[in-house]
Protein backbone atom coordinates (compact mmCIF):
# COMPACT_ATOMS: atom_id res chain seq x y z
CA UNK A 1 30.04 -63.33 22.34
CA UNK A 2 28.32 -66.67 22.81
CA UNK A 3 26.81 -68.24 19.71
CA UNK A 4 23.39 -68.27 21.34
CA UNK A 5 23.34 -64.50 21.91
CA UNK A 6 21.66 -62.46 19.20
CA UNK A 7 24.03 -59.67 18.18
CA UNK A 8 22.69 -56.14 17.84
CA UNK A 9 22.20 -55.44 14.14
CA UNK A 10 22.08 -51.82 13.00
CA UNK A 11 20.34 -50.62 9.82
CA UNK A 12 22.54 -48.07 8.04
CA UNK A 13 20.07 -46.83 5.45
CA UNK A 14 22.39 -44.15 4.05
CA UNK A 15 24.95 -46.73 2.91
CA UNK A 16 22.54 -49.60 2.18
CA UNK A 17 23.75 -51.93 4.90
CA UNK A 18 22.71 -53.95 7.88
CA UNK A 19 25.74 -54.33 10.13
CA UNK A 20 26.82 -55.47 13.55
CA UNK A 21 27.30 -52.69 16.09
CA UNK A 22 31.08 -52.82 15.65
CA UNK A 23 30.59 -52.63 11.85
CA UNK A 24 32.78 -55.73 11.48
CA UNK A 25 30.14 -57.91 9.83
CA UNK A 26 27.64 -56.55 7.32
CA UNK A 27 25.10 -57.23 4.60
CA UNK A 28 24.97 -54.88 1.60
CA UNK A 29 21.86 -54.26 -0.49
CA UNK A 30 20.46 -51.96 -3.16
CA UNK A 31 16.84 -50.97 -3.63
CA UNK A 32 15.40 -51.53 -7.11
CA UNK A 33 12.06 -50.99 -8.89
CA UNK A 34 11.45 -47.62 -7.27
CA UNK A 35 12.37 -48.89 -3.82
CA UNK A 36 10.00 -51.87 -3.86
CA UNK A 37 12.66 -54.58 -4.21
CA UNK A 38 15.69 -55.18 -1.96
CA UNK A 39 18.58 -56.77 -3.87
CA UNK A 40 20.92 -58.36 -1.30
CA UNK A 41 24.35 -58.13 -2.92
CA UNK A 42 26.86 -59.30 -0.33
CA UNK A 43 27.31 -60.54 3.21
CA UNK A 44 30.65 -60.31 4.98
CA UNK A 45 31.77 -61.74 8.31
CA UNK A 46 35.45 -61.44 9.35
CA UNK A 47 37.24 -64.77 9.68
CA UNK A 48 37.62 -64.27 13.44
CA UNK A 49 33.83 -64.15 13.86
CA UNK A 50 32.73 -66.89 11.47
CA UNK A 51 30.71 -69.78 12.84
CA UNK A 52 28.75 -67.60 15.28
CA UNK A 53 25.69 -67.24 13.05
CA UNK A 54 26.32 -63.57 12.27
CA UNK A 55 25.53 -63.89 8.55
CA UNK A 56 22.22 -65.54 9.42
CA UNK A 57 21.39 -62.76 11.92
CA UNK A 58 22.19 -60.15 9.25
CA UNK A 59 19.91 -61.93 6.77
CA UNK A 60 17.08 -62.17 9.30
CA UNK A 61 17.39 -58.42 9.97
CA UNK A 62 17.28 -57.64 6.24
CA UNK A 63 14.41 -60.03 5.47
CA UNK A 64 12.43 -58.78 8.50
CA UNK A 65 12.95 -55.20 7.33
CA UNK A 66 11.87 -56.11 3.80
CA UNK A 67 8.78 -57.91 5.05
CA UNK A 68 7.71 -55.06 7.34
CA UNK A 69 8.13 -52.56 4.47
CA UNK A 70 6.34 -54.78 1.90
CA UNK A 71 9.49 -55.27 -0.17
CA UNK A 72 10.41 -58.37 -2.11
CA UNK A 73 14.00 -59.63 -1.96
CA UNK A 74 16.44 -60.62 -4.72
CA UNK A 75 19.04 -63.00 -3.20
CA UNK A 76 22.01 -62.02 -5.41
CA UNK A 77 24.43 -62.92 -2.61
CA UNK A 78 25.38 -66.60 -2.85
CA UNK A 79 25.21 -67.02 0.93
CA UNK A 80 21.59 -65.88 0.89
CA UNK A 81 20.54 -68.01 -2.09
CA UNK A 82 22.59 -71.15 -1.34
CA UNK A 83 22.71 -71.28 2.47
CA UNK A 84 20.29 -68.94 4.26
CA UNK A 85 17.15 -69.57 2.18
CA UNK A 86 17.50 -73.38 2.08
CA UNK A 87 17.91 -73.34 5.89
CA UNK A 88 15.08 -70.82 6.36
CA UNK A 89 12.48 -71.66 3.69
CA UNK A 90 9.75 -69.58 5.34
CA UNK A 91 11.42 -66.47 3.89
CA UNK A 92 10.92 -67.74 0.31
CA UNK A 93 7.48 -66.11 0.39
CA UNK A 94 9.05 -62.66 -0.07
CA UNK A 95 11.72 -63.63 -2.61
CA UNK A 96 11.26 -61.62 -5.82
CA UNK A 97 9.81 -63.95 -8.42
CA UNK A 98 10.83 -62.46 -11.76
CA UNK A 99 14.35 -62.33 -13.24
CA UNK A 100 15.96 -63.33 -9.96
CA UNK A 101 19.29 -64.22 -11.61
CA UNK A 102 19.04 -61.95 -14.67
CA UNK A 103 22.23 -60.08 -13.69
CA UNK A 104 24.39 -63.15 -14.33
């Protein structure tokens, strides 16, 4: 896969994941506050596929889903809070404002 190609991301609602078609890379989340808040817990990309932008594509899929369903997002995953959001500040508008890091 070329880095410029957007991989197909699949929403696996039953298991709370967005994942690549081959299920090798994924983003895990839980819904909170009666399903109004998406807490992104973890992103994983196998070492053989790192550097292709897969984690970013997974985040975009999750944030786009949250936005289209009027959900706010808690960026519990350090990749989301420390890398994705600083590089993509337009998504900050749907970041959950209260007790973002209360689980620490």
